[in-house]
C-alpha atoms as a PDB file:
ATOM      1  CA  MET A   1     176.689 103.678  83.239  1.00  0.00           C
ATOM      2  CA  LYS A   2     177.281 100.224  81.608  1.00  0.00           C
ATOM      3  CA  TYR A   3     174.628  97.615  81.015  1.00  0.00           C
ATOM      4  CA  ASN A   4     175.096  94.184  81.091  1.00  0.00           C
ATOM      5  CA  ILE A   5     172.856  92.671  78.726  1.00  0.00           C
ATOM      6  CA  GLY A   6     173.613  89.213  79.526  1.00  0.00           C
ATOM      7  CA  TYR A   7     172.282  89.861  83.145  1.00  0.00           C
ATOM      8  CA  ILE A   8     169.236  91.573  81.611  1.00  0.00           C
ATOM      9  CA  THR A   9     168.705  88.670  79.428  1.00  0.00           C
ATOM     10  CA  ASN A  10     169.127  86.076  82.070  1.00  0.00           C
ATOM     11  CA  TYR A  11     166.665  88.103  84.559  1.00  0.00           C
ATOM     12  CA  ILE A  12     164.166  88.019  81.922  1.00  0.00           C
ATOM     13  CA  ILE A  13     164.502  84.325  81.463  1.00  0.00           C
ATOM     14  CA  GLU A  14     165.037  83.068  84.815  1.00  0.00           C
ATOM     15  CA  TYR A  15     162.260  85.300  86.189  1.00  0.00           C
ATOM     16  CA  ASP A  16     159.863  83.187  88.718  1.00  0.00           C
ATOM     17  CA  SER A  17     156.473  84.040  89.608  1.00  0.00           C
ATOM     18  CA  GLY A  18     155.558  80.567  90.266  1.00  0.00           C
ATOM     19  CA  VAL A  19     156.173  79.716  86.517  1.00  0.00           C
ATOM     20  CA  PRO A  20     158.974  80.942  84.688  1.00  0.00           C
ATOM     21  CA  MET A  21     158.269  83.807  82.955  1.00  0.00           C
ATOM     22  CA  SER A  22     160.187  82.423  79.705  1.00  0.00           C
ATOM     23  CA  VAL A  23     157.599  79.609  79.616  1.00  0.00           C
ATOM     24  CA  ILE A  24     154.970  82.115  79.806  1.00  0.00           C
ATOM     25  CA  LEU A  25     156.243  84.578  77.057  1.00  0.00           C
ATOM     26  CA  GLY A  26     157.371  81.421  74.906  1.00  0.00           C
ATOM     27  CA  LEU A  27     153.693  79.946  75.262  1.00  0.00           C
ATOM     28  CA  SER A  28     152.143  83.199  74.476  1.00  0.00           C
ATOM     29  CA  LEU A  29     153.941  83.814  71.403  1.00  0.00           C
ATOM     30  CA  ILE A  30     153.409  80.153  69.979  1.00  0.00           C
ATOM     31  CA  VAL A  31     149.673  80.633  70.685  1.00  0.00           C
ATOM     32  CA  CYS A  32     149.504  83.944  69.002  1.00  0.00           C
ATOM     33  CA  ALA A  33     151.311  82.357  65.976  1.00  0.00           C
ATOM     34  CA  ILE A  34     149.007  79.178  65.875  1.00  0.00           C
ATOM     35  CA  ILE A  35     145.854  81.758  65.946  1.00  0.00           C
ATOM     36  CA  VAL A  36     147.273  83.302  62.862  1.00  0.00           C
ATOM     37  CA  THR A  37     148.302  80.185  61.230  1.00  0.00           C
ATOM     38  CA  LEU A  38     144.693  78.768  61.963  1.00  0.00           C
ATOM     39  CA  TYR A  39     143.056  81.782  60.560  1.00  0.00           C
ATOM     40  CA  HIS A  40     144.998  81.525  57.248  1.00  0.00           C
ATOM     41  CA  TYR A  41     144.079  77.657  56.855  1.00  0.00           C
ATOM     42  CA  SER A  42     140.548  77.852  58.188  1.00  0.00           C
ATOM     43  CA  THR A  43     137.573  77.778  56.108  1.00  0.00           C
ATOM     44  CA  ASP A  44     135.581  79.635  58.601  1.00  0.00           C
ATOM     45  CA  GLY A  45     138.155  82.514  58.686  1.00  0.00           C
ATOM     46  CA  PHE A  46     137.717  85.276  60.966  1.00  0.00           C
ATOM     47  CA  ILE A  47     134.849  83.729  63.098  1.00  0.00           C
ATOM     48  CA  PHE A  48     136.826  80.905  63.935  1.00  0.00           C
ATOM     49  CA  LEU A  49     139.778  83.498  64.932  1.00  0.00           C
ATOM     50  CA  ARG A  50     137.665  85.738  67.154  1.00  0.00           C
ATOM     51  CA  LYS A  51     136.236  82.624  69.220  1.00  0.00           C
ATOM     52  CA  THR A  52     139.393  81.126  69.574  1.00  0.00           C
ATOM     53  CA  SER A  53     141.044  84.548  70.498  1.00  0.00           C
ATOM     54  CA  TRP A  54     138.416  85.425  73.353  1.00  0.00           C
ATOM     55  CA  CYS A  55     138.933  82.060  75.012  1.00  0.00           C
ATOM     56  CA  ILE A  56     142.808  82.223  75.017  1.00  0.00           C
ATOM     57  CA  LEU A  57     142.771  85.991  75.937  1.00  0.00           C
ATOM     58  CA  GLY A  58     140.514  85.112  79.043  1.00  0.00           C
ATOM     59  CA  GLY A  59     142.853  82.288  80.079  1.00  0.00           C
ATOM     60  CA  TYR A  60     145.932  84.419  79.646  1.00  0.00           C
ATOM     61  CA  MET A  61     144.400  87.583  81.491  1.00  0.00           C
ATOM     62  CA  SER A  62     143.540  85.269  84.308  1.00  0.00           C
ATOM     63  CA  PHE A  63     146.951  83.696  84.331  1.00  0.00           C
ATOM     64  CA  ILE A  64     148.617  87.210  84.555  1.00  0.00           C
ATOM     65  CA  PHE A  65     146.580  88.384  87.186  1.00  0.00           C
ATOM     66  CA  CYS A  66     147.324  85.305  89.139  1.00  0.00           C
ATOM     67  CA  ALA A  67     151.150  85.554  88.380  1.00  0.00           C
ATOM     68  CA  THR A  68     151.558  89.407  89.286  1.00  0.00           C
ATOM     69  CA  VAL A  69     149.204  89.411  92.268  1.00  0.00           C
ATOM     70  CA  LEU A  70     147.978  86.122  93.805  1.00  0.00           C
ATOM     71  CA  PHE A  71     151.227  84.118  93.519  1.00  0.00           C
ATOM     72  CA  ARG A  72     153.212  86.578  95.141  1.00  0.00           C
ATOM     73  CA  ASP A  73     154.427  86.886  98.562  1.00  0.00           C
ATOM     74  CA  GLN A  74     152.667  89.764 100.543  1.00  0.00           C
ATOM     75  CA  ALA A  75     154.595  92.401 102.082  1.00  0.00           C
ATOM     76  CA  GLU A  76     154.294  93.944 105.383  1.00  0.00           C
ATOM     77  CA  GLU A  77     153.671  97.482 104.330  1.00  0.00           C
ATOM     78  CA  MET A  78     152.136  98.852 101.067  1.00  0.00           C
ATOM     79  CA  HIS A  79     154.860 100.004  98.267  1.00  0.00           C
ATOM     80  CA  TYR A  80     153.656 102.444  95.285  1.00  0.00           C
ATOM     81  CA  SER A  81     155.385 104.870  92.862  1.00  0.00           C
ATOM     82  CA  TRP A  82     153.062 107.635  92.014  1.00  0.00           C
ATOM     83  CA  GLN A  83     155.547 109.718  89.946  1.00  0.00           C
ATOM     84  CA  PRO A  84     155.676 108.835  86.207  1.00  0.00           C
ATOM     85  CA  PHE A  85     158.616 107.656  84.775  1.00  0.00           C
ATOM     86  CA  LEU A  86     160.389 107.394  88.026  1.00  0.00           C
ATOM     87  CA  THR A  87     161.839 104.176  86.798  1.00  0.00           C
ATOM     88  CA  TYR A  88     164.174 105.739  84.511  1.00  0.00           C
ATOM     89  CA  ALA A  89     165.918 108.424  86.884  1.00  0.00           C
ATOM     90  CA  CYS A  90     168.125 105.380  88.073  1.00  0.00           C
ATOM     91  CA  LEU A  91     168.424 102.756  85.563  1.00  0.00           C
ATOM     92  CA  TYR A  92     170.302  99.353  86.155  1.00  0.00           C
ATOM     93  CA  ASN A  93     170.193  96.225  84.987  1.00  0.00           C
ATOM     94  CA  ARG A  94     167.279  94.477  87.003  1.00  0.00           C
ATOM     95  CA  ARG A  95     165.094  97.773  86.388  1.00  0.00           C
ATOM     96  CA  ILE A  96     165.728  97.416  82.646  1.00  0.00           C
ATOM     97  CA  ALA A  97     164.731  93.906  82.762  1.00  0.00           C
ATOM     98  CA  GLU A  98     161.494  94.290  84.776  1.00  0.00           C
ATOM     99  CA  ILE A  99     160.513  97.314  82.188  1.00  0.00           C
ATOM    100  CA  ILE A 100     161.019  94.729  79.267  1.00  0.00           C
ATOM    101  CA  LEU A 101     159.087  92.194  81.085  1.00  0.00           C
ATOM    102  CA  ASN A 102     155.879  94.574  81.717  1.00  0.00           C
ATOM    103  CA  VAL A 103     156.143  95.265  77.904  1.00  0.00           C
ATOM    104  CA  LEU A 104     156.353  91.811  77.011  1.00  0.00           C
ATOM    105  CA  MET A 105     153.796  90.273  79.050  1.00  0.00           C
ATOM    106  CA  PHE A 106     151.012  92.764  77.646  1.00  0.00           C
ATOM    107  CA  ILE A 107     151.785  92.285  74.027  1.00  0.00           C
ATOM    108  CA  PRO A 108     149.767  89.016  73.797  1.00  0.00           C
ATOM    109  CA  ILE A 109     146.834  90.922  75.392  1.00  0.00           C
ATOM    110  CA  GLY A 110     146.957  93.423  72.757  1.00  0.00           C
ATOM    111  CA  PHE A 111     147.537  90.786  69.869  1.00  0.00           C
ATOM    112  CA  LEU A 112     144.777  88.523  71.136  1.00  0.00           C
ATOM    113  CA  LEU A 113     142.268  91.450  71.805  1.00  0.00           C
ATOM    114  CA  THR A 114     142.599  92.837  68.276  1.00  0.00           C
ATOM    115  CA  ALA A 115     142.316  89.232  66.903  1.00  0.00           C
ATOM    116  CA  ALA A 116     138.791  89.105  68.851  1.00  0.00           C
ATOM    117  CA  MET A 117     137.221  92.138  67.694  1.00  0.00           C
ATOM    118  CA  LYS A 118     135.054  92.139  64.505  1.00  0.00           C
ATOM    119  CA  ARG A 119     136.776  95.569  63.449  1.00  0.00           C
ATOM    120  CA  GLU A 120     140.024  96.978  64.442  1.00  0.00           C
ATOM    121  CA  ARG A 121     139.512  99.421  67.024  1.00  0.00           C
ATOM    122  CA  PHE A 122     142.762 100.819  68.459  1.00  0.00           C
ATOM    123  CA  HIS A 123     141.148 103.032  71.340  1.00  0.00           C
ATOM    124  CA  PHE A 124     139.400  99.844  72.870  1.00  0.00           C
ATOM    125  CA  VAL A 125     142.614  98.046  72.847  1.00  0.00           C
ATOM    126  CA  LEU A 126     144.217 100.854  74.491  1.00  0.00           C
ATOM    127  CA  CYS A 127     141.449 101.067  77.257  1.00  0.00           C
ATOM    128  CA  THR A 128     141.258  97.736  78.002  1.00  0.00           C
ATOM    129  CA  GLY A 129     145.036  97.516  78.222  1.00  0.00           C
ATOM    130  CA  CYS A 130     145.165 100.447  80.522  1.00  0.00           C
ATOM    131  CA  MET A 131     142.089  99.382  82.786  1.00  0.00           C
ATOM    132  CA  PHE A 132     143.596  95.616  83.104  1.00  0.00           C
ATOM    133  CA  SER A 133     147.067  97.096  83.894  1.00  0.00           C
ATOM    134  CA  LEU A 134     145.223  99.581  86.618  1.00  0.00           C
ATOM    135  CA  THR A 135     143.185  96.578  88.061  1.00  0.00           C
ATOM    136  CA  ILE A 136     146.713  94.689  88.611  1.00  0.00           C
ATOM    137  CA  GLU A 137     148.213  97.738  90.048  1.00  0.00           C
ATOM    138  CA  THR A 138     145.334  98.501  92.234  1.00  0.00           C
ATOM    139  CA  ALA A 139     145.133  94.916  93.442  1.00  0.00           C
ATOM    140  CA  GLN A 140     149.126  94.817  94.227  1.00  0.00           C
ATOM    141  CA  LEU A 141     148.601  97.920  96.260  1.00  0.00           C
ATOM    142  CA  LEU A 142     145.460  96.741  98.277  1.00  0.00           C
ATOM    143  CA  PHE A 143     146.640  93.306  98.862  1.00  0.00           C
ATOM    144  CA  ARG A 144     150.669  94.310  99.502  1.00  0.00           C
ATOM    145  CA  ARG A 145     151.684  92.229  96.696  1.00  0.00           C
ATOM    146  CA  GLY A 146     154.496  93.997  94.505  1.00  0.00           C
ATOM    147  CA  VAL A 147     154.979  97.767  93.550  1.00  0.00           C
ATOM    148  CA  CYS A 148     152.121  99.729  92.330  1.00  0.00           C
ATOM    149  CA  SER A 149     153.501 101.844  89.838  1.00  0.00           C
ATOM    150  CA  ILE A 150     152.343 104.305  87.186  1.00  0.00           C
ATOM    151  CA  ASP A 151     155.543 103.312  85.350  1.00  0.00           C
ATOM    152  CA  ASP A 152     154.263  99.715  85.177  1.00  0.00           C
ATOM    153  CA  ILE A 153     150.749 100.742  83.574  1.00  0.00           C
ATOM    154  CA  ILE A 154     152.605 102.694  80.914  1.00  0.00           C
ATOM    155  CA  HIS A 155     154.754  99.835  80.177  1.00  0.00           C
ATOM    156  CA  ASN A 156     151.820  97.585  80.081  1.00  0.00           C
ATOM    157  CA  VAL A 157     149.658  99.626  77.858  1.00  0.00           C
ATOM    158  CA  LEU A 158     153.062 100.031  75.647  1.00  0.00           C
ATOM    159  CA  GLY A 159     152.931  96.291  75.403  1.00  0.00           C
ATOM    160  CA  CYS A 160     149.367  96.490  74.413  1.00  0.00           C
ATOM    161  CA  VAL A 161     150.119  98.537  71.637  1.00  0.00           C
ATOM    162  CA  ILE A 162     152.829  96.435  70.423  1.00  0.00           C
ATOM    163  CA  GLY A 163     150.608  93.431  70.453  1.00  0.00           C
ATOM    164  CA  TYR A 164     148.066  95.688  68.573  1.00  0.00           C
ATOM    165  CA  ILE A 165     150.785  96.715  65.625  1.00  0.00           C
ATOM    166  CA  CYS A 166     151.815  92.928  65.514  1.00  0.00           C
ATOM    167  CA  PHE A 167     148.333  91.766  64.990  1.00  0.00           C
ATOM    168  CA  MET A 168     147.607  94.461  62.289  1.00  0.00           C
ATOM    169  CA  PHE A 169     150.857  93.657  60.345  1.00  0.00           C
ATOM    170  CA  CYS A 170     150.366  89.807  60.519  1.00  0.00           C
ATOM    171  CA  TYR A 171     146.503  90.333  59.449  1.00  0.00           C
ATOM    172  CA  ARG A 172     147.672  92.548  56.341  1.00  0.00           C
ATOM    173  CA  MET A 173     150.184  90.062  55.560  1.00  0.00           C
ATOM    174  CA  VAL A 174     147.748  87.245  55.412  1.00  0.00           C
ATOM    175  CA  ARG A 175     145.262  89.353  53.600  1.00  0.00           C
ATOM    176  CA  ARG A 176     147.947  90.290  50.717  1.00  0.00           C
ATOM    177  CA  ARG A 177     148.424  86.365  50.289  1.00  0.00           C
ATOM    178  CA  VAL A 178     144.613  85.602  49.874  1.00  0.00           C
END
């Protein structure tokens, strides 16, 4: 089966859950870049970074919850998928784009959560990403807004892990320069 990269890219850019996802992702990446830059040039260093990261993280997680649960239309019945990796059984352009969006949506959470902690704690980032994703999926099931899927939880946690890795990479690069 051939995949249309143009379709996948357009779907990601034009995805709309009240606010275009491209705006959400763009702002998230800009915020992460600003935090790293502020840390690099701040006299307070890591203290300023942690305080700022907690504030931005809380706002971003609230926004993600609203975009994935509250801003969606309510379905007449519950939709769920309990079988792991069922998404990969029948891949097509839209499904690939949704997988990419689920991963991208949680990268800033992993990044900001790592930036907000005193010490790097991979297990804490992993558990927090899993719990937040589980909260979203449970709310989607209970309020009948979207599809509750084990695959979404897996993709969201993967995004948190990528965010953690991105922050650790940036942090080590900044530490080498100092």
